[in-house]
């Protein structure tokens, strides 16, 4: 199980050393969830782009679905998850692997034309802060694909009505049902996105049939086809356990200066081009290093 990293900042859910990819996705009967999420991503992602940021990339489960992008930055807090992603994807120049905190992104403002955050924000104790960080890293008009766990889903509603669940799924506040695992109300998430500077473009409801009995007894292809048919109803209502949103970065957003990429997550100073796998911040003199193909911006050297 992931552990909690204790800092002065919001707590971070750390999957360092976890077997999450194998236990949850490869052995956990999650083919249905994986395939319907792939459908949602195909519908929401731009057909092509230059530079995509994958926040919470984990072991790279979704990364092959970004084939239309020239370069993909896989960012995760866990170094071991990024190592698994390397094993899956390789170490070509098309990928940059970055271990960093989503509350302190180490990228200059206005760098990316697209960002995704899938199955990640439910671990965020301060989701608005993470959304603001992502907005700052995006160019004007950049697309942001967000998936979040929906507290107002049919299962939680029924459990609440049957008095098998204490928390109210219609309450706008997030619910922390397990430590650092949150479900969110759709209206609250839309409001947070707007406050962070995003303009909502499209909503999809996903995993309509996330029921163990159905997944065991109905052919997976049929379930995925049915889910795909119902996903666009997310424009009208959201009662599934998973919701996908596509937003556009609006407002006064800058464009990164040519040749810039990383910034110091501690002081915000743009970092020079790397030399021998290390970056020394000209603002605070902290040194950030690259080891085994992974940039580490969690702790300076």
C-alpha atoms as a PDB file:
ATOM      1  CA  UNK A   1       0.000   0.000   0.000  1.00  0.00           C
ATOM      2  CA  UNK A   2       1.165   3.576  -0.667  1.00  0.00           C
ATOM      3  CA  UNK A   3       2.582   5.523   2.240  1.00  0.00           C
ATOM      4  CA  UNK A   4       2.062   9.120   3.251  1.00  0.00           C
ATOM      5  CA  UNK A   5       4.965  11.529   2.894  1.00  0.00           C
ATOM      6  CA  UNK A   6       5.037  13.971   5.819  1.00  0.00           C
ATOM      7  CA  UNK A   7       5.990  17.531   4.841  1.00  0.00           C
ATOM      8  CA  UNK A   8       4.882  21.058   5.609  1.00  0.00           C
ATOM      9  CA  UNK A   9       3.053  21.034   2.292  1.00  0.00           C
ATOM     10  CA  UNK A  10      -0.154  19.074   1.669  1.00  0.00           C
ATOM     11  CA  UNK A  11       0.415  15.362   2.307  1.00  0.00           C
ATOM     12  CA  UNK A  12       1.435  13.307  -0.705  1.00  0.00           C
ATOM     13  CA  UNK A  13       0.284   9.782  -1.503  1.00  0.00           C
ATOM     14  CA  UNK A  14       3.511   7.983  -2.361  1.00  0.00           C
ATOM     15  CA  UNK A  15       3.474   4.755  -4.397  1.00  0.00           C
ATOM     16  CA  UNK A  16       7.213   4.219  -3.945  1.00  0.00           C
ATOM     17  CA  UNK A  17       7.878   0.467  -3.986  1.00  0.00           C
ATOM     18  CA  UNK A  18       4.192  -0.327  -4.485  1.00  0.00           C
ATOM     19  CA  UNK A  19       2.976  -3.183  -6.689  1.00  0.00           C
ATOM     20  CA  UNK A  20      -0.051  -1.095  -7.688  1.00  0.00           C
ATOM     21  CA  UNK A  21       0.333  -1.663 -11.436  1.00  0.00           C
ATOM     22  CA  UNK A  22       0.477  -5.428 -11.093  1.00  0.00           C
ATOM     23  CA  UNK A  23      -2.002  -5.809  -8.222  1.00  0.00           C
ATOM     24  CA  UNK A  24      -4.672  -3.359  -9.351  1.00  0.00           C
ATOM     25  CA  UNK A  25      -4.466  -3.354 -13.160  1.00  0.00           C
ATOM     26  CA  UNK A  26      -2.826  -6.557 -14.297  1.00  0.00           C
ATOM     27  CA  UNK A  27      -4.291  -8.947 -11.703  1.00  0.00           C
ATOM     28  CA  UNK A  28      -7.275  -6.989 -10.416  1.00  0.00           C
ATOM     29  CA  UNK A  29      -9.865  -7.673 -13.141  1.00  0.00           C
ATOM     30  CA  UNK A  30      -9.720  -4.077 -14.371  1.00  0.00           C
ATOM     31  CA  UNK A  31      -9.774  -4.661 -18.132  1.00  0.00           C
ATOM     32  CA  UNK A  32     -13.190  -3.037 -18.351  1.00  0.00           C
ATOM     33  CA  UNK A  33     -12.070   0.133 -16.558  1.00  0.00           C
ATOM     34  CA  UNK A  34      -8.880   0.317 -18.614  1.00  0.00           C
ATOM     35  CA  UNK A  35     -10.666  -0.025 -21.940  1.00  0.00           C
ATOM     36  CA  UNK A  36     -13.465   2.457 -21.236  1.00  0.00           C
ATOM     37  CA  UNK A  37     -10.877   4.993 -20.085  1.00  0.00           C
ATOM     38  CA  UNK A  38      -9.080   4.442 -23.398  1.00  0.00           C
ATOM     39  CA  UNK A  39     -12.330   5.265 -25.211  1.00  0.00           C
ATOM     40  CA  UNK A  40     -12.741   8.474 -23.215  1.00  0.00           C
ATOM     41  CA  UNK A  41      -9.168   9.551 -23.905  1.00  0.00           C
ATOM     42  CA  UNK A  42      -9.589   8.989 -27.657  1.00  0.00           C
ATOM     43  CA  UNK A  43     -12.629  11.247 -27.601  1.00  0.00           C
ATOM     44  CA  UNK A  44     -11.054  14.042 -25.594  1.00  0.00           C
ATOM     45  CA  UNK A  45      -7.397  14.170 -26.625  1.00  0.00           C
ATOM     46  CA  UNK A  46      -6.226  16.355 -29.509  1.00  0.00           C
ATOM     47  CA  UNK A  47      -5.243  14.233 -32.488  1.00  0.00           C
ATOM     48  CA  UNK A  48      -1.710  15.544 -32.310  1.00  0.00           C
ATOM     49  CA  UNK A  49       0.483  17.915 -30.362  1.00  0.00           C
ATOM     50  CA  UNK A  50       4.058  18.806 -29.506  1.00  0.00           C
ATOM     51  CA  UNK A  51       4.511  18.468 -25.746  1.00  0.00           C
ATOM     52  CA  UNK A  52       2.212  16.620 -23.342  1.00  0.00           C
ATOM     53  CA  UNK A  53       2.530  16.506 -19.553  1.00  0.00           C
ATOM     54  CA  UNK A  54       1.202  13.344 -17.904  1.00  0.00           C
ATOM     55  CA  UNK A  55       0.690  14.189 -14.228  1.00  0.00           C
ATOM     56  CA  UNK A  56       0.749  11.009 -12.172  1.00  0.00           C
ATOM     57  CA  UNK A  57       1.960   8.823 -15.023  1.00  0.00           C
ATOM     58  CA  UNK A  58       2.656   5.892 -12.714  1.00  0.00           C
ATOM     59  CA  UNK A  59       3.946   2.881 -14.625  1.00  0.00           C
ATOM     60  CA  UNK A  60       2.938   4.369 -17.978  1.00  0.00           C
ATOM     61  CA  UNK A  61      -0.371   2.560 -18.428  1.00  0.00           C
ATOM     62  CA  UNK A  62      -1.898   5.385 -20.464  1.00  0.00           C
ATOM     63  CA  UNK A  63       1.261   6.756 -22.083  1.00  0.00           C
ATOM     64  CA  UNK A  64       1.017   4.695 -25.320  1.00  0.00           C
ATOM     65  CA  UNK A  65      -2.358   6.370 -25.902  1.00  0.00           C
ATOM     66  CA  UNK A  66      -0.592   9.693 -26.486  1.00  0.00           C
ATOM     67  CA  UNK A  67       0.880   8.500 -29.785  1.00  0.00           C
ATOM     68  CA  UNK A  68      -0.057  11.727 -31.582  1.00  0.00           C
ATOM     69  CA  UNK A  69       2.324  13.826 -29.476  1.00  0.00           C
ATOM     70  CA  UNK A  70       5.923  14.482 -30.414  1.00  0.00           C
ATOM     71  CA  UNK A  71       7.156  14.419 -26.807  1.00  0.00           C
ATOM     72  CA  UNK A  72       5.636  13.165 -23.549  1.00  0.00           C
ATOM     73  CA  UNK A  73       6.781  14.084 -20.042  1.00  0.00           C
ATOM     74  CA  UNK A  74       5.919  11.350 -17.550  1.00  0.00           C
ATOM     75  CA  UNK A  75       5.736  12.889 -14.089  1.00  0.00           C
ATOM     76  CA  UNK A  76       5.064  10.964 -10.913  1.00  0.00           C
ATOM     77  CA  UNK A  77       6.054  11.246  -7.267  1.00  0.00           C
ATOM     78  CA  UNK A  78       7.222   7.632  -7.184  1.00  0.00           C
ATOM     79  CA  UNK A  79      10.603   6.858  -8.696  1.00  0.00           C
ATOM     80  CA  UNK A  80       9.899   3.121  -8.729  1.00  0.00           C
ATOM     81  CA  UNK A  81       6.702   3.643 -10.733  1.00  0.00           C
ATOM     82  CA  UNK A  82       8.673   5.674 -13.270  1.00  0.00           C
ATOM     83  CA  UNK A  83      11.238   2.868 -13.449  1.00  0.00           C
ATOM     84  CA  UNK A  84       8.410   0.506 -14.370  1.00  0.00           C
ATOM     85  CA  UNK A  85       7.293   2.995 -17.021  1.00  0.00           C
ATOM     86  CA  UNK A  86      10.822   2.987 -18.445  1.00  0.00           C
ATOM     87  CA  UNK A  87      10.744  -0.793 -18.638  1.00  0.00           C
ATOM     88  CA  UNK A  88       7.448  -0.586 -20.532  1.00  0.00           C
ATOM     89  CA  UNK A  89       8.251   2.329 -22.853  1.00  0.00           C
ATOM     90  CA  UNK A  90      12.025   2.470 -23.117  1.00  0.00           C
ATOM     91  CA  UNK A  91      14.390   5.415 -22.826  1.00  0.00           C
ATOM     92  CA  UNK A  92      14.011   7.085 -26.213  1.00  0.00           C
ATOM     93  CA  UNK A  93      14.293  10.861 -26.542  1.00  0.00           C
ATOM     94  CA  UNK A  94      10.516  10.997 -26.998  1.00  0.00           C
ATOM     95  CA  UNK A  95      10.025  10.525 -23.247  1.00  0.00           C
ATOM     96  CA  UNK A  96      11.230  12.550 -20.280  1.00  0.00           C
ATOM     97  CA  UNK A  97      10.822  10.959 -16.851  1.00  0.00           C
ATOM     98  CA  UNK A  98      10.402  13.320 -13.902  1.00  0.00           C
ATOM     99  CA  UNK A  99       9.911  12.502 -10.212  1.00  0.00           C
ATOM    100  CA  UNK A 100       8.214  15.525  -8.670  1.00  0.00           C
ATOM    101  CA  UNK A 101       5.444  16.797  -6.438  1.00  0.00           C
ATOM    102  CA  UNK A 102       2.235  17.877  -8.194  1.00  0.00           C
ATOM    103  CA  UNK A 103       1.974  20.766  -5.717  1.00  0.00           C
ATOM    104  CA  UNK A 104       5.383  22.050  -6.901  1.00  0.00           C
ATOM    105  CA  UNK A 105       5.726  21.357 -10.606  1.00  0.00           C
ATOM    106  CA  UNK A 106       9.312  21.837 -11.849  1.00  0.00           C
ATOM    107  CA  UNK A 107       8.373  23.255 -15.264  1.00  0.00           C
ATOM    108  CA  UNK A 108       8.530  26.833 -16.524  1.00  0.00           C
ATOM    109  CA  UNK A 109       5.204  28.560 -17.042  1.00  0.00           C
ATOM    110  CA  UNK A 110       3.475  28.151 -20.393  1.00  0.00           C
ATOM    111  CA  UNK A 111       5.462  25.104 -21.510  1.00  0.00           C
ATOM    112  CA  UNK A 112       2.953  22.410 -22.497  1.00  0.00           C
ATOM    113  CA  UNK A 113       0.208  22.363 -25.125  1.00  0.00           C
ATOM    114  CA  UNK A 114      -1.626  19.465 -23.418  1.00  0.00           C
ATOM    115  CA  UNK A 115      -1.769  17.866 -19.976  1.00  0.00           C
ATOM    116  CA  UNK A 116      -3.545  14.843 -18.537  1.00  0.00           C
ATOM    117  CA  UNK A 117      -4.285  13.805 -14.974  1.00  0.00           C
ATOM    118  CA  UNK A 118      -5.989  10.395 -14.850  1.00  0.00           C
ATOM    119  CA  UNK A 119      -6.774   8.589 -11.579  1.00  0.00           C
ATOM    120  CA  UNK A 120      -4.574  10.993  -9.636  1.00  0.00           C
ATOM    121  CA  UNK A 121      -6.539  13.914  -8.237  1.00  0.00           C
ATOM    122  CA  UNK A 122      -8.442  11.599  -5.887  1.00  0.00           C
ATOM    123  CA  UNK A 123      -5.189  11.459  -3.884  1.00  0.00           C
ATOM    124  CA  UNK A 124      -4.985  15.260  -3.596  1.00  0.00           C
ATOM    125  CA  UNK A 125      -5.805  16.767  -0.203  1.00  0.00           C
ATOM    126  CA  UNK A 126      -5.582  20.213  -1.857  1.00  0.00           C
ATOM    127  CA  UNK A 127      -6.947  19.638  -5.353  1.00  0.00           C
ATOM    128  CA  UNK A 128      -7.319  23.370  -6.210  1.00  0.00           C
ATOM    129  CA  UNK A 129      -3.611  23.911  -5.551  1.00  0.00           C
ATOM    130  CA  UNK A 130      -2.658  21.079  -7.904  1.00  0.00           C
ATOM    131  CA  UNK A 131      -4.996  22.427 -10.613  1.00  0.00           C
ATOM    132  CA  UNK A 132      -3.436  25.889 -10.323  1.00  0.00           C
ATOM    133  CA  UNK A 133       0.028  24.367 -10.774  1.00  0.00           C
ATOM    134  CA  UNK A 134      -1.052  22.555 -13.941  1.00  0.00           C
ATOM    135  CA  UNK A 135      -2.679  25.695 -15.360  1.00  0.00           C
ATOM    136  CA  UNK A 136       0.550  27.640 -14.848  1.00  0.00           C
ATOM    137  CA  UNK A 137       2.508  25.036 -16.828  1.00  0.00           C
ATOM    138  CA  UNK A 138       0.171  25.252 -19.836  1.00  0.00           C
ATOM    139  CA  UNK A 139       0.275  27.509 -22.871  1.00  0.00           C
ATOM    140  CA  UNK A 140      -2.714  29.730 -23.762  1.00  0.00           C
ATOM    141  CA  UNK A 141      -5.483  27.546 -25.142  1.00  0.00           C
ATOM    142  CA  UNK A 142      -3.784  24.302 -24.079  1.00  0.00           C
ATOM    143  CA  UNK A 143      -6.015  21.298 -23.408  1.00  0.00           C
ATOM    144  CA  UNK A 144      -6.276  19.624 -20.015  1.00  0.00           C
ATOM    145  CA  UNK A 145      -7.856  16.174 -19.639  1.00  0.00           C
ATOM    146  CA  UNK A 146      -8.860  15.429 -16.042  1.00  0.00           C
ATOM    147  CA  UNK A 147     -10.422  12.298 -14.579  1.00  0.00           C
ATOM    148  CA  UNK A 148     -11.869  12.396 -11.077  1.00  0.00           C
ATOM    149  CA  UNK A 149     -13.679  10.033  -8.733  1.00  0.00           C
ATOM    150  CA  UNK A 150     -17.311  11.106  -8.490  1.00  0.00           C
ATOM    151  CA  UNK A 151     -18.934  10.977  -5.044  1.00  0.00           C
ATOM    152  CA  UNK A 152     -22.397  11.463  -6.585  1.00  0.00           C
ATOM    153  CA  UNK A 153     -22.495   8.085  -8.279  1.00  0.00           C
ATOM    154  CA  UNK A 154     -25.482   5.735  -8.284  1.00  0.00           C
ATOM    155  CA  UNK A 155     -23.927   3.209  -5.897  1.00  0.00           C
ATOM    156  CA  UNK A 156     -23.181   5.819  -3.225  1.00  0.00           C
ATOM    157  CA  UNK A 157     -26.630   7.379  -3.684  1.00  0.00           C
ATOM    158  CA  UNK A 158     -28.366   4.027  -3.148  1.00  0.00           C
ATOM    159  CA  UNK A 159     -26.188   3.227  -0.151  1.00  0.00           C
ATOM    160  CA  UNK A 160     -26.992   6.619   1.361  1.00  0.00           C
ATOM    161  CA  UNK A 161     -30.735   6.201   0.820  1.00  0.00           C
ATOM    162  CA  UNK A 162     -30.578   2.702   2.355  1.00  0.00           C
ATOM    163  CA  UNK A 163     -28.635   4.122   5.344  1.00  0.00           C
ATOM    164  CA  UNK A 164     -25.629   1.931   4.651  1.00  0.00           C
ATOM    165  CA  UNK A 165     -23.415   4.978   4.211  1.00  0.00           C
ATOM    166  CA  UNK A 166     -23.089   7.998   6.493  1.00  0.00           C
ATOM    167  CA  UNK A 167     -21.703  10.619   4.103  1.00  0.00           C
ATOM    168  CA  UNK A 168     -24.064  12.447   1.771  1.00  0.00           C
ATOM    169  CA  UNK A 169     -23.205  12.053  -1.938  1.00  0.00           C
ATOM    170  CA  UNK A 170     -25.024  15.309  -2.709  1.00  0.00           C
ATOM    171  CA  UNK A 171     -22.883  17.360  -0.328  1.00  0.00           C
ATOM    172  CA  UNK A 172     -20.504  19.553  -2.382  1.00  0.00           C
ATOM    173  CA  UNK A 173     -17.502  18.962  -0.124  1.00  0.00           C
ATOM    174  CA  UNK A 174     -15.010  16.155  -0.925  1.00  0.00           C
ATOM    175  CA  UNK A 175     -15.239  12.971   1.102  1.00  0.00           C
ATOM    176  CA  UNK A 176     -12.090  11.195   2.296  1.00  0.00           C
ATOM    177  CA  UNK A 177     -13.323   7.598   2.520  1.00  0.00           C
ATOM    178  CA  UNK A 178      -9.797   6.227   3.077  1.00  0.00           C
ATOM    179  CA  UNK A 179      -6.723   8.224   4.045  1.00  0.00           C
ATOM    180  CA  UNK A 180      -5.677  10.336   1.043  1.00  0.00           C
ATOM    181  CA  UNK A 181      -8.442   8.880  -1.130  1.00  0.00           C
ATOM    182  CA  UNK A 182     -11.102  11.434  -2.011  1.00  0.00           C
ATOM    183  CA  UNK A 183     -14.324  11.467  -3.996  1.00  0.00           C
ATOM    184  CA  UNK A 184     -15.511  14.789  -5.404  1.00  0.00           C
ATOM    185  CA  UNK A 185     -18.826  16.361  -6.354  1.00  0.00           C
ATOM    186  CA  UNK A 186     -18.935  17.204 -10.097  1.00  0.00           C
ATOM    187  CA  UNK A 187     -20.120  20.765  -9.488  1.00  0.00           C
ATOM    188  CA  UNK A 188     -17.283  21.366  -7.040  1.00  0.00           C
ATOM    189  CA  UNK A 189     -14.681  20.086  -9.506  1.00  0.00           C
ATOM    190  CA  UNK A 190     -16.061  22.302 -12.273  1.00  0.00           C
ATOM    191  CA  UNK A 191     -15.913  25.304  -9.955  1.00  0.00           C
ATOM    192  CA  UNK A 192     -12.313  24.542  -8.976  1.00  0.00           C
ATOM    193  CA  UNK A 193     -11.326  24.273 -12.639  1.00  0.00           C
ATOM    194  CA  UNK A 194     -12.907  27.621 -13.402  1.00  0.00           C
ATOM    195  CA  UNK A 195     -11.161  29.243 -10.444  1.00  0.00           C
ATOM    196  CA  UNK A 196      -7.823  27.819 -11.609  1.00  0.00           C
ATOM    197  CA  UNK A 197      -8.300  29.427 -15.031  1.00  0.00           C
ATOM    198  CA  UNK A 198      -9.806  26.613 -17.093  1.00  0.00           C
ATOM    199  CA  UNK A 199     -12.786  26.801 -19.419  1.00  0.00           C
ATOM    200  CA  UNK A 200     -14.750  23.545 -19.514  1.00  0.00           C
ATOM    201  CA  UNK A 201     -15.273  22.134 -23.009  1.00  0.00           C
ATOM    202  CA  UNK A 202     -16.651  18.607 -22.602  1.00  0.00           C
ATOM    203  CA  UNK A 203     -17.743  16.087 -19.952  1.00  0.00           C
ATOM    204  CA  UNK A 204     -17.903  12.309 -20.273  1.00  0.00           C
ATOM    205  CA  UNK A 205     -19.257   9.834 -17.755  1.00  0.00           C
ATOM    206  CA  UNK A 206     -17.198   6.635 -17.600  1.00  0.00           C
ATOM    207  CA  UNK A 207     -17.481   3.184 -15.992  1.00  0.00           C
ATOM    208  CA  UNK A 208     -21.285   2.984 -16.079  1.00  0.00           C
ATOM    209  CA  UNK A 209     -21.099  -0.774 -15.477  1.00  0.00           C
ATOM    210  CA  UNK A 210     -18.407  -0.962 -12.787  1.00  0.00           C
ATOM    211  CA  UNK A 211     -20.135  -3.843 -11.003  1.00  0.00           C
ATOM    212  CA  UNK A 212     -18.283  -7.056 -10.228  1.00  0.00           C
ATOM    213  CA  UNK A 213     -21.126  -9.358 -11.297  1.00  0.00           C
ATOM    214  CA  UNK A 214     -21.487  -7.617 -14.662  1.00  0.00           C
ATOM    215  CA  UNK A 215     -17.765  -7.691 -15.349  1.00  0.00           C
ATOM    216  CA  UNK A 216     -17.614 -11.402 -14.564  1.00  0.00           C
ATOM    217  CA  UNK A 217     -20.684 -12.459 -16.564  1.00  0.00           C
ATOM    218  CA  UNK A 218     -21.037 -10.048 -19.500  1.00  0.00           C
ATOM    219  CA  UNK A 219     -18.510 -10.141 -22.360  1.00  0.00           C
ATOM    220  CA  UNK A 220     -16.002  -7.332 -21.905  1.00  0.00           C
ATOM    221  CA  UNK A 221     -16.469  -6.129 -25.479  1.00  0.00           C
ATOM    222  CA  UNK A 222     -20.198  -5.650 -24.960  1.00  0.00           C
ATOM    223  CA  UNK A 223     -19.720  -3.750 -21.690  1.00  0.00           C
ATOM    224  CA  UNK A 224     -17.166  -1.441 -23.295  1.00  0.00           C
ATOM    225  CA  UNK A 225     -19.453  -0.811 -26.274  1.00  0.00           C
ATOM    226  CA  UNK A 226     -22.368   0.040 -23.985  1.00  0.00           C
ATOM    227  CA  UNK A 227     -20.214   2.321 -21.864  1.00  0.00           C
ATOM    228  CA  UNK A 228     -18.931   4.041 -24.988  1.00  0.00           C
ATOM    229  CA  UNK A 229     -22.529   4.639 -26.098  1.00  0.00           C
ATOM    230  CA  UNK A 230     -23.471   6.261 -22.784  1.00  0.00           C
ATOM    231  CA  UNK A 231     -20.325   8.320 -22.186  1.00  0.00           C
ATOM    232  CA  UNK A 232     -21.613  11.438 -24.025  1.00  0.00           C
ATOM    233  CA  UNK A 233     -24.551  11.660 -21.592  1.00  0.00           C
ATOM    234  CA  UNK A 234     -22.021  13.222 -19.256  1.00  0.00           C
ATOM    235  CA  UNK A 235     -22.942  16.536 -20.869  1.00  0.00           C
ATOM    236  CA  UNK A 236     -26.361  16.219 -19.174  1.00  0.00           C
ATOM    237  CA  UNK A 237     -25.715  14.429 -15.874  1.00  0.00           C
ATOM    238  CA  UNK A 238     -22.902  12.742 -13.967  1.00  0.00           C
ATOM    239  CA  UNK A 239     -23.812   9.679 -11.887  1.00  0.00           C
ATOM    240  CA  UNK A 240     -20.952   7.300 -12.698  1.00  0.00           C
ATOM    241  CA  UNK A 241     -17.970   6.586 -10.415  1.00  0.00           C
ATOM    242  CA  UNK A 242     -15.584   8.174 -12.920  1.00  0.00           C
ATOM    243  CA  UNK A 243     -15.931  11.453 -14.830  1.00  0.00           C
ATOM    244  CA  UNK A 244     -13.636  12.793 -17.552  1.00  0.00           C
ATOM    245  CA  UNK A 245     -13.412  16.518 -18.284  1.00  0.00           C
ATOM    246  CA  UNK A 246     -11.680  18.354 -21.091  1.00  0.00           C
ATOM    247  CA  UNK A 247     -10.865  21.973 -20.353  1.00  0.00           C
ATOM    248  CA  UNK A 248      -8.959  24.754 -22.075  1.00  0.00           C
ATOM    249  CA  UNK A 249      -6.382  26.979 -20.381  1.00  0.00           C
ATOM    250  CA  UNK A 250      -7.804  30.482 -20.494  1.00  0.00           C
ATOM    251  CA  UNK A 251      -6.915  33.819 -18.967  1.00  0.00           C
ATOM    252  CA  UNK A 252      -3.514  35.471 -18.801  1.00  0.00           C
ATOM    253  CA  UNK A 253      -1.292  32.505 -19.511  1.00  0.00           C
ATOM    254  CA  UNK A 254       2.284  33.011 -20.766  1.00  0.00           C
ATOM    255  CA  UNK A 255       4.262  31.091 -23.351  1.00  0.00           C
ATOM    256  CA  UNK A 256       7.576  29.593 -22.242  1.00  0.00           C
ATOM    257  CA  UNK A 257      10.675  31.239 -23.642  1.00  0.00           C
ATOM    258  CA  UNK A 258      12.484  29.159 -26.279  1.00  0.00           C
ATOM    259  CA  UNK A 259      15.112  26.908 -24.761  1.00  0.00           C
ATOM    260  CA  UNK A 260      13.559  26.859 -21.285  1.00  0.00           C
ATOM    261  CA  UNK A 261      12.044  23.756 -19.736  1.00  0.00           C
ATOM    262  CA  UNK A 262      12.649  23.116 -16.040  1.00  0.00           C
ATOM    263  CA  UNK A 263      12.370  25.541 -13.155  1.00  0.00           C
ATOM    264  CA  UNK A 264      13.428  25.169  -9.543  1.00  0.00           C
ATOM    265  CA  UNK A 265      10.428  23.865  -7.573  1.00  0.00           C
ATOM    266  CA  UNK A 266      11.732  25.614  -4.459  1.00  0.00           C
ATOM    267  CA  UNK A 267      12.255  29.181  -5.713  1.00  0.00           C
ATOM    268  CA  UNK A 268      10.674  29.163  -9.184  1.00  0.00           C
ATOM    269  CA  UNK A 269      13.809  30.261 -11.070  1.00  0.00           C
ATOM    270  CA  UNK A 270      14.193  28.930 -14.615  1.00  0.00           C
ATOM    271  CA  UNK A 271      16.997  26.381 -14.726  1.00  0.00           C
ATOM    272  CA  UNK A 272      19.812  26.326 -17.293  1.00  0.00           C
ATOM    273  CA  UNK A 273      20.322  23.545 -19.803  1.00  0.00           C
ATOM    274  CA  UNK A 274      21.451  20.367 -18.018  1.00  0.00           C
ATOM    275  CA  UNK A 275      25.124  19.557 -17.743  1.00  0.00           C
ATOM    276  CA  UNK A 276      26.147  15.954 -17.027  1.00  0.00           C
ATOM    277  CA  UNK A 277      22.783  15.087 -15.550  1.00  0.00           C
ATOM    278  CA  UNK A 278      22.558  17.941 -13.059  1.00  0.00           C
ATOM    279  CA  UNK A 279      20.920  21.360 -12.859  1.00  0.00           C
ATOM    280  CA  UNK A 280      22.093  24.083 -10.504  1.00  0.00           C
ATOM    281  CA  UNK A 281      19.540  26.740  -9.719  1.00  0.00           C
ATOM    282  CA  UNK A 282      20.953  30.254 -10.307  1.00  0.00           C
ATOM    283  CA  UNK A 283      18.424  31.619  -7.836  1.00  0.00           C
ATOM    284  CA  UNK A 284      18.937  29.475  -4.727  1.00  0.00           C
ATOM    285  CA  UNK A 285      21.939  27.269  -5.678  1.00  0.00           C
ATOM    286  CA  UNK A 286      20.051  24.022  -5.137  1.00  0.00           C
ATOM    287  CA  UNK A 287      21.156  21.180  -7.390  1.00  0.00           C
ATOM    288  CA  UNK A 288      18.703  18.818  -9.061  1.00  0.00           C
ATOM    289  CA  UNK A 289      19.983  15.618 -10.608  1.00  0.00           C
ATOM    290  CA  UNK A 290      19.121  12.891 -13.071  1.00  0.00           C
ATOM    291  CA  UNK A 291      19.735   9.270 -12.131  1.00  0.00           C
ATOM    292  CA  UNK A 292      19.005   6.202 -14.238  1.00  0.00           C
ATOM    293  CA  UNK A 293      17.166   8.362 -16.743  1.00  0.00           C
ATOM    294  CA  UNK A 294      14.837   9.994 -14.172  1.00  0.00           C
ATOM    295  CA  UNK A 295      15.028  13.640 -13.095  1.00  0.00           C
ATOM    296  CA  UNK A 296      14.513  13.939  -9.341  1.00  0.00           C
ATOM    297  CA  UNK A 297      12.815  17.181  -8.261  1.00  0.00           C
ATOM    298  CA  UNK A 298      11.544  15.866  -4.946  1.00  0.00           C
ATOM    299  CA  UNK A 299      14.719  16.628  -3.026  1.00  0.00           C
ATOM    300  CA  UNK A 300      17.796  18.588  -4.125  1.00  0.00           C
ATOM    301  CA  UNK A 301      21.150  16.830  -4.107  1.00  0.00           C
END
